[in-house]
PDB file of N, CA and C in Angstrom:
ATOM      1  N   MET A   1       4.721 -28.031  -4.495  1.00  0.00           N
ATOM      2  CA  MET A   1       4.903 -27.624  -5.849  1.00  0.00           C
ATOM      3  C   MET A   1       6.119 -28.170  -6.486  1.00  0.00           C
ATOM      4  N   ASP A   2       6.034 -28.632  -7.600  1.00  0.00           N
ATOM      5  CA  ASP A   2       7.118 -29.241  -8.310  1.00  0.00           C
ATOM      6  C   ASP A   2       8.063 -28.070  -8.896  1.00  0.00           C
ATOM      7  N   ILE A   3       9.430 -28.469  -9.116  1.00  0.00           N
ATOM      8  CA  ILE A   3      10.286 -27.450  -9.644  1.00  0.00           C
ATOM      9  C   ILE A   3       9.857 -27.162 -11.120  1.00  0.00           C
ATOM     10  N   SER A   4       9.455 -28.195 -11.806  1.00  0.00           N
ATOM     11  CA  SER A   4       8.993 -27.889 -13.234  1.00  0.00           C
ATOM     12  C   SER A   4       7.848 -27.011 -13.273  1.00  0.00           C
ATOM     13  N   ASN A   5       6.933 -27.080 -12.278  1.00  0.00           N
ATOM     14  CA  ASN A   5       5.774 -26.149 -12.253  1.00  0.00           C
ATOM     15  C   ASN A   5       6.240 -24.730 -11.956  1.00  0.00           C
ATOM     16  N   ILE A   6       7.323 -24.574 -11.193  1.00  0.00           N
ATOM     17  CA  ILE A   6       7.868 -23.206 -10.839  1.00  0.00           C
ATOM     18  C   ILE A   6       8.425 -22.675 -12.055  1.00  0.00           C
ATOM     19  N   PHE A   7       9.263 -23.414 -12.815  1.00  0.00           N
ATOM     20  CA  PHE A   7       9.909 -23.010 -14.007  1.00  0.00           C
ATOM     21  C   PHE A   7       8.881 -22.595 -15.118  1.00  0.00           C
ATOM     22  N   SER A   8       7.878 -23.406 -15.288  1.00  0.00           N
ATOM     23  CA  SER A   8       6.897 -23.065 -16.260  1.00  0.00           C
ATOM     24  C   SER A   8       6.078 -21.807 -15.868  1.00  0.00           C
ATOM     25  N   THR A   9       5.849 -21.597 -14.634  1.00  0.00           N
ATOM     26  CA  THR A   9       5.184 -20.377 -14.248  1.00  0.00           C
ATOM     27  C   THR A   9       5.985 -19.149 -14.544  1.00  0.00           C
ATOM     28  N   ILE A  10       7.233 -19.226 -14.215  1.00  0.00           N
ATOM     29  CA  ILE A  10       8.186 -18.123 -14.427  1.00  0.00           C
ATOM     30  C   ILE A  10       8.326 -17.916 -15.890  1.00  0.00           C
ATOM     31  N   GLY A  11       8.429 -19.028 -16.694  1.00  0.00           N
ATOM     32  CA  GLY A  11       8.560 -18.859 -18.139  1.00  0.00           C
ATOM     33  C   GLY A  11       7.266 -18.295 -18.778  1.00  0.00           C
ATOM     34  N   GLY A  12       6.057 -18.583 -18.209  1.00  0.00           N
ATOM     35  CA  GLY A  12       4.881 -18.070 -18.686  1.00  0.00           C
ATOM     36  C   GLY A  12       4.763 -16.595 -18.354  1.00  0.00           C
ATOM     37  N   ILE A  13       5.062 -16.160 -17.275  1.00  0.00           N
ATOM     38  CA  ILE A  13       4.996 -14.707 -16.835  1.00  0.00           C
ATOM     39  C   ILE A  13       6.188 -13.956 -17.581  1.00  0.00           C
ATOM     40  N   GLY A  14       7.329 -14.569 -17.543  1.00  0.00           N
ATOM     41  CA  GLY A  14       8.558 -13.880 -18.209  1.00  0.00           C
ATOM     42  C   GLY A  14       9.383 -13.308 -17.043  1.00  0.00           C
ATOM     43  N   ILE A  15      10.677 -13.517 -17.174  1.00  0.00           N
ATOM     44  CA  ILE A  15      11.654 -12.998 -16.186  1.00  0.00           C
ATOM     45  C   ILE A  15      11.698 -11.579 -16.185  1.00  0.00           C
ATOM     46  N   LYS A  16      11.603 -10.851 -17.366  1.00  0.00           N
ATOM     47  CA  LYS A  16      11.571  -9.379 -17.411  1.00  0.00           C
ATOM     48  C   LYS A  16      10.316  -8.883 -16.577  1.00  0.00           C
ATOM     49  N   ASN A  17       9.226  -9.470 -16.736  1.00  0.00           N
ATOM     50  CA  ASN A  17       8.026  -9.062 -16.080  1.00  0.00           C
ATOM     51  C   ASN A  17       8.141  -9.157 -14.526  1.00  0.00           C
ATOM     52  N   ILE A  18       8.822 -10.254 -14.191  1.00  0.00           N
ATOM     53  CA  ILE A  18       8.943 -10.519 -12.698  1.00  0.00           C
ATOM     54  C   ILE A  18       9.748  -9.342 -12.065  1.00  0.00           C
ATOM     55  N   PHE A  19      10.927  -9.115 -12.766  1.00  0.00           N
ATOM     56  CA  PHE A  19      11.829  -7.953 -12.270  1.00  0.00           C
ATOM     57  C   PHE A  19      11.184  -6.649 -12.342  1.00  0.00           C
ATOM     58  N   PHE A  20      10.239  -6.453 -13.318  1.00  0.00           N
ATOM     59  CA  PHE A  20       9.610  -5.268 -13.282  1.00  0.00           C
ATOM     60  C   PHE A  20       8.530  -5.045 -12.173  1.00  0.00           C
ATOM     61  N   MET A  21       7.857  -6.244 -11.975  1.00  0.00           N
ATOM     62  CA  MET A  21       7.009  -6.282 -10.761  1.00  0.00           C
ATOM     63  C   MET A  21       7.703  -6.106  -9.493  1.00  0.00           C
ATOM     64  N   LEU A  22       8.755  -6.661  -9.247  1.00  0.00           N
ATOM     65  CA  LEU A  22       9.509  -6.448  -8.022  1.00  0.00           C
ATOM     66  C   LEU A  22       9.984  -4.990  -7.850  1.00  0.00           C
ATOM     67  N   PHE A  23      10.421  -4.472  -9.003  1.00  0.00           N
ATOM     68  CA  PHE A  23      10.937  -2.986  -9.010  1.00  0.00           C
ATOM     69  C   PHE A  23       9.814  -2.181  -8.584  1.00  0.00           C
ATOM     70  N   THR A  24       8.723  -2.341  -9.214  1.00  0.00           N
ATOM     71  CA  THR A  24       7.420  -1.464  -8.877  1.00  0.00           C
ATOM     72  C   THR A  24       7.060  -1.519  -7.471  1.00  0.00           C
ATOM     73  N   ILE A  25       7.021  -2.800  -6.964  1.00  0.00           N
ATOM     74  CA  ILE A  25       6.634  -2.999  -5.642  1.00  0.00           C
ATOM     75  C   ILE A  25       7.621  -2.260  -4.615  1.00  0.00           C
ATOM     76  N   LEU A  26       8.973  -2.344  -4.875  1.00  0.00           N
ATOM     77  CA  LEU A  26       9.955  -1.729  -3.997  1.00  0.00           C
ATOM     78  C   LEU A  26       9.834  -0.214  -4.190  1.00  0.00           C
ATOM     79  N   PHE A  27       9.543   0.282  -5.387  1.00  0.00           N
ATOM     80  CA  PHE A  27       9.369   1.674  -5.505  1.00  0.00           C
ATOM     81  C   PHE A  27       8.192   2.255  -4.716  1.00  0.00           C
ATOM     82  N   ALA A  28       7.037   1.411  -4.869  1.00  0.00           N
ATOM     83  CA  ALA A  28       5.937   1.885  -4.023  1.00  0.00           C
ATOM     84  C   ALA A  28       6.092   1.785  -2.572  1.00  0.00           C
ATOM     85  N   ILE A  29       6.807   0.791  -2.101  1.00  0.00           N
ATOM     86  CA  ILE A  29       7.049   0.732  -0.631  1.00  0.00           C
ATOM     87  C   ILE A  29       7.955   1.947  -0.191  1.00  0.00           C
ATOM     88  N   PHE A  30       8.937   2.287  -0.971  1.00  0.00           N
ATOM     89  CA  PHE A  30       9.765   3.374  -0.671  1.00  0.00           C
ATOM     90  C   PHE A  30       9.101   4.762  -0.712  1.00  0.00           C
ATOM     91  N   TYR A  31       8.183   4.848  -1.807  1.00  0.00           N
ATOM     92  CA  TYR A  31       7.384   6.022  -1.855  1.00  0.00           C
ATOM     93  C   TYR A  31       6.427   6.224  -0.703  1.00  0.00           C
ATOM     94  N   PHE A  32       5.905   5.108  -0.260  1.00  0.00           N
ATOM     95  CA  PHE A  32       5.023   5.053   1.056  1.00  0.00           C
ATOM     96  C   PHE A  32       5.734   5.615   2.219  1.00  0.00           C
ATOM     97  N   PHE A  33       7.022   5.110   2.402  1.00  0.00           N
ATOM     98  CA  PHE A  33       7.751   5.460   3.513  1.00  0.00           C
ATOM     99  C   PHE A  33       8.254   7.013   3.456  1.00  0.00           C
ATOM    100  N   TYR A  34       8.493   7.376   2.170  1.00  0.00           N
ATOM    101  CA  TYR A  34       8.861   8.725   1.951  1.00  0.00           C
ATOM    102  C   TYR A  34       7.742   9.668   2.327  1.00  0.00           C
ATOM    103  N   ALA A  35       6.505   9.385   1.917  1.00  0.00           N
ATOM    104  CA  ALA A  35       5.270  10.134   2.150  1.00  0.00           C
ATOM    105  C   ALA A  35       5.120  10.173   3.690  1.00  0.00           C
ATOM    106  N   LEU A  36       5.298   9.139   4.346  1.00  0.00           N
ATOM    107  CA  LEU A  36       5.060   9.138   5.846  1.00  0.00           C
ATOM    108  C   LEU A  36       6.080   9.988   6.553  1.00  0.00           C
ATOM    109  N   VAL A  37       7.339  10.016   6.131  1.00  0.00           N
ATOM    110  CA  VAL A  37       8.425  10.972   6.620  1.00  0.00           C
ATOM    111  C   VAL A  37       8.036  12.401   6.340  1.00  0.00           C
ATOM    112  N   ILE A  38       7.657  12.695   5.210  1.00  0.00           N
ATOM    113  CA  ILE A  38       7.326  14.023   4.950  1.00  0.00           C
ATOM    114  C   ILE A  38       6.065  14.389   5.620  1.00  0.00           C
ATOM    115  N   SER A  39       5.140  13.601   5.947  1.00  0.00           N
ATOM    116  CA  SER A  39       4.004  13.924   6.659  1.00  0.00           C
ATOM    117  C   SER A  39       4.313  14.260   8.097  1.00  0.00           C
ATOM    118  N   LYS A  40       5.338  13.496   8.672  1.00  0.00           N
ATOM    119  CA  LYS A  40       5.719  13.715   9.953  1.00  0.00           C
ATOM    120  C   LYS A  40       6.505  15.111  10.072  1.00  0.00           C
ATOM    121  N   GLN A  41       7.258  15.494   9.050  1.00  0.00           N
ATOM    122  CA  GLN A  41       7.981  16.645   9.008  1.00  0.00           C
ATOM    123  C   GLN A  41       7.113  17.863   8.916  1.00  0.00           C
ATOM    124  N   VAL A  42       6.003  17.685   8.114  1.00  0.00           N
ATOM    125  CA  VAL A  42       4.985  18.777   7.975  1.00  0.00           C
ATOM    126  C   VAL A  42       4.216  19.015   9.250  1.00  0.00           C
ATOM    127  N   LYS A  43       3.912  17.934   9.935  1.00  0.00           N
ATOM    128  CA  LYS A  43       3.200  18.071  11.213  1.00  0.00           C
ATOM    129  C   LYS A  43       4.148  18.800  12.309  1.00  0.00           C
ATOM    130  N   VAL A  44       5.380  18.584  12.223  1.00  0.00           N
ATOM    131  CA  VAL A  44       6.326  19.273  13.192  1.00  0.00           C
ATOM    132  C   VAL A  44       6.410  20.760  12.731  1.00  0.00           C
ATOM    133  N   MET A  45       6.456  21.018  11.431  1.00  0.00           N
ATOM    134  CA  MET A  45       6.488  22.352  10.868  1.00  0.00           C
ATOM    135  C   MET A  45       5.261  23.127  11.259  1.00  0.00           C
ATOM    136  N   ASP A  46       4.107  22.490  11.144  1.00  0.00           N
ATOM    137  CA  ASP A  46       2.770  23.048  11.600  1.00  0.00           C
ATOM    138  C   ASP A  46       2.799  23.505  13.010  1.00  0.00           C
ATOM    139  N   LYS A  47       3.409  22.847  13.965  1.00  0.00           N
ATOM    140  CA  LYS A  47       3.520  23.157  15.262  1.00  0.00           C
ATOM    141  C   LYS A  47       4.415  24.311  15.512  1.00  0.00           C
ATOM    142  N   ALA A  48       5.487  24.350  14.662  1.00  0.00           N
ATOM    143  CA  ALA A  48       6.554  25.476  14.908  1.00  0.00           C
ATOM    144  C   ALA A  48       6.172  26.697  14.212  1.00  0.00           C
ATOM    145  N   LEU A  49       5.437  26.622  13.049  1.00  0.00           N
ATOM    146  CA  LEU A  49       5.226  27.782  12.219  1.00  0.00           C
ATOM    147  C   LEU A  49       3.726  27.894  12.042  1.00  0.00           C
ATOM    148  N   GLN A  50       3.156  29.003  12.451  1.00  0.00           N
ATOM    149  CA  GLN A  50       1.726  29.322  12.323  1.00  0.00           C
ATOM    150  C   GLN A  50       1.496  30.141  11.108  1.00  0.00           C
ATOM    151  N   ASP A  51       0.616  29.679  10.263  1.00  0.00           N
ATOM    152  CA  ASP A  51       0.259  30.379   9.045  1.00  0.00           C
ATOM    153  C   ASP A  51      -1.218  30.110   8.625  1.00  0.00           C
ATOM    154  N   LYS A  52      -1.771  30.858   7.927  1.00  0.00           N
ATOM    155  CA  LYS A  52      -3.206  30.676   7.565  1.00  0.00           C
ATOM    156  C   LYS A  52      -3.288  29.600   6.391  1.00  0.00           C
ATOM    157  N   TYR A  53      -2.242  29.191   5.798  1.00  0.00           N
ATOM    158  CA  TYR A  53      -2.322  28.208   4.747  1.00  0.00           C
ATOM    159  C   TYR A  53      -1.788  26.870   5.162  1.00  0.00           C
ATOM    160  N   ASN A  54      -1.620  26.650   6.422  1.00  0.00           N
ATOM    161  CA  ASN A  54      -1.152  25.344   6.978  1.00  0.00           C
ATOM    162  C   ASN A  54      -2.158  24.263   6.695  1.00  0.00           C
ATOM    163  N   TRP A  55      -3.462  24.557   6.694  1.00  0.00           N
ATOM    164  CA  TRP A  55      -4.456  23.525   6.397  1.00  0.00           C
ATOM    165  C   TRP A  55      -4.232  23.013   5.090  1.00  0.00           C
ATOM    166  N   LEU A  56      -3.924  23.795   4.079  1.00  0.00           N
ATOM    167  CA  LEU A  56      -3.619  23.365   2.706  1.00  0.00           C
ATOM    168  C   LEU A  56      -2.424  22.526   2.623  1.00  0.00           C
ATOM    169  N   ILE A  57      -1.377  22.767   3.313  1.00  0.00           N
ATOM    170  CA  ILE A  57      -0.102  21.878   3.282  1.00  0.00           C
ATOM    171  C   ILE A  57      -0.433  20.557   3.916  1.00  0.00           C
ATOM    172  N   LEU A  58      -1.158  20.598   5.084  1.00  0.00           N
ATOM    173  CA  LEU A  58      -1.508  19.348   5.707  1.00  0.00           C
ATOM    174  C   LEU A  58      -2.412  18.593   4.878  1.00  0.00           C
ATOM    175  N   PHE A  59      -3.326  19.157   4.092  1.00  0.00           N
ATOM    176  CA  PHE A  59      -4.281  18.374   3.233  1.00  0.00           C
ATOM    177  C   PHE A  59      -3.502  17.816   2.128  1.00  0.00           C
ATOM    178  N   ILE A  60      -2.604  18.444   1.466  1.00  0.00           N
ATOM    179  CA  ILE A  60      -1.762  17.850   0.450  1.00  0.00           C
ATOM    180  C   ILE A  60      -0.979  16.761   0.955  1.00  0.00           C
ATOM    181  N   THR A  61      -0.428  16.906   2.059  1.00  0.00           N
ATOM    182  CA  THR A  61       0.454  15.861   2.666  1.00  0.00           C
ATOM    183  C   THR A  61      -0.331  14.615   2.950  1.00  0.00           C
ATOM    184  N   SER A  62      -1.612  14.768   3.571  1.00  0.00           N
ATOM    185  CA  SER A  62      -2.440  13.678   3.797  1.00  0.00           C
ATOM    186  C   SER A  62      -2.916  12.989   2.491  1.00  0.00           C
ATOM    187  N   PHE A  63      -3.135  13.798   1.541  1.00  0.00           N
ATOM    188  CA  PHE A  63      -3.539  13.278   0.205  1.00  0.00           C
ATOM    189  C   PHE A  63      -2.268  12.463  -0.407  1.00  0.00           C
ATOM    190  N   GLN A  64      -1.113  12.867  -0.246  1.00  0.00           N
ATOM    191  CA  GLN A  64       0.074  12.182  -0.788  1.00  0.00           C
ATOM    192  C   GLN A  64       0.158  10.814  -0.023  1.00  0.00           C
ATOM    193  N   VAL A  65      -0.039  10.783   1.306  1.00  0.00           N
ATOM    194  CA  VAL A  65       0.077   9.506   2.004  1.00  0.00           C
ATOM    195  C   VAL A  65      -1.035   8.556   1.559  1.00  0.00           C
ATOM    196  N   THR A  66      -2.243   9.121   1.358  1.00  0.00           N
ATOM    197  CA  THR A  66      -3.486   8.268   0.929  1.00  0.00           C
ATOM    198  C   THR A  66      -3.138   7.662  -0.463  1.00  0.00           C
ATOM    199  N   VAL A  67      -2.621   8.545  -1.400  1.00  0.00           N
ATOM    200  CA  VAL A  67      -2.357   8.103  -2.679  1.00  0.00           C
ATOM    201  C   VAL A  67      -1.243   7.020  -2.674  1.00  0.00           C
ATOM    202  N   SER A  68      -0.187   7.181  -1.927  1.00  0.00           N
ATOM    203  CA  SER A  68       0.809   6.273  -1.954  1.00  0.00           C
ATOM    204  C   SER A  68       0.438   4.796  -1.312  1.00  0.00           C
ATOM    205  N   LEU A  69      -0.425   4.971  -0.292  1.00  0.00           N
ATOM    206  CA  LEU A  69      -1.073   3.657   0.259  1.00  0.00           C
ATOM    207  C   LEU A  69      -1.951   2.885  -0.741  1.00  0.00           C
ATOM    208  N   ILE A  70      -2.771   3.661  -1.358  1.00  0.00           N
ATOM    209  CA  ILE A  70      -3.692   3.113  -2.400  1.00  0.00           C
ATOM    210  C   ILE A  70      -2.765   2.531  -3.505  1.00  0.00           C
ATOM    211  N   LEU A  71      -1.704   3.226  -3.922  1.00  0.00           N
ATOM    212  CA  LEU A  71      -0.860   2.681  -4.929  1.00  0.00           C
ATOM    213  C   LEU A  71      -0.179   1.323  -4.478  1.00  0.00           C
ATOM    214  N   LEU A  72       0.303   1.233  -3.338  1.00  0.00           N
ATOM    215  CA  LEU A  72       0.882   0.162  -2.871  1.00  0.00           C
ATOM    216  C   LEU A  72      -0.100  -1.096  -2.679  1.00  0.00           C
ATOM    217  N   ILE A  73      -1.201  -0.872  -2.214  1.00  0.00           N
ATOM    218  CA  ILE A  73      -2.216  -1.793  -2.114  1.00  0.00           C
ATOM    219  C   ILE A  73      -2.687  -2.323  -3.508  1.00  0.00           C
ATOM    220  N   ILE A  74      -2.805  -1.418  -4.442  1.00  0.00           N
ATOM    221  CA  ILE A  74      -3.205  -1.963  -5.813  1.00  0.00           C
ATOM    222  C   ILE A  74      -2.026  -2.819  -6.436  1.00  0.00           C
ATOM    223  N   LEU A  75      -0.826  -2.354  -6.258  1.00  0.00           N
ATOM    224  CA  LEU A  75       0.313  -3.161  -6.789  1.00  0.00           C
ATOM    225  C   LEU A  75       0.474  -4.457  -6.103  1.00  0.00           C
ATOM    226  N   ILE A  76       0.321  -4.546  -4.821  1.00  0.00           N
ATOM    227  CA  ILE A  76       0.402  -5.837  -4.216  1.00  0.00           C
ATOM    228  C   ILE A  76      -0.755  -6.788  -4.640  1.00  0.00           C
ATOM    229  N   LEU A  77      -1.936  -6.256  -4.716  1.00  0.00           N
ATOM    230  CA  LEU A  77      -3.054  -7.136  -5.211  1.00  0.00           C
ATOM    231  C   LEU A  77      -2.957  -7.569  -6.628  1.00  0.00           C
ATOM    232  N   THR A  78      -2.294  -6.733  -7.480  1.00  0.00           N
ATOM    233  CA  THR A  78      -2.104  -7.155  -8.942  1.00  0.00           C
ATOM    234  C   THR A  78      -0.989  -8.232  -8.988  1.00  0.00           C
ATOM    235  N   ILE A  79      -0.007  -8.082  -8.140  1.00  0.00           N
ATOM    236  CA  ILE A  79       0.967  -9.097  -8.156  1.00  0.00           C
ATOM    237  C   ILE A  79       0.523 -10.489  -7.762  1.00  0.00           C
ATOM    238  N   PHE A  80      -0.321 -10.516  -6.668  1.00  0.00           N
ATOM    239  CA  PHE A  80      -0.759 -11.774  -6.220  1.00  0.00           C
ATOM    240  C   PHE A  80      -1.980 -12.475  -6.901  1.00  0.00           C
ATOM    241  N   PHE A  81      -2.636 -11.538  -7.618  1.00  0.00           N
ATOM    242  CA  PHE A  81      -3.906 -12.093  -8.231  1.00  0.00           C
ATOM    243  C   PHE A  81      -3.907 -12.079  -9.806  1.00  0.00           C
ATOM    244  N   ILE A  82      -2.761 -11.966 -10.319  1.00  0.00           N
ATOM    245  CA  ILE A  82      -2.708 -12.107 -11.835  1.00  0.00           C
ATOM    246  C   ILE A  82      -2.489 -13.541 -12.170  1.00  0.00           C
TER     247      ILE A  82
END
């Protein structure tokens, strides 16, 4: 790929859009890791504390991890296929 092609691609997309895309990808990656850490903490809490509503907390945590993974996949696919 020629240097002029790279500059024309960046110019067509716009430098602000590139920074916005990178920021959103980094945010999605950090959110996914955050959701995984929270999920691990909730599993430890579930073992230590027995309650009748633990299934609800585990469900919400699993849902959060799933949503964060879907968000990350969608953002990565939109970055590479636009």
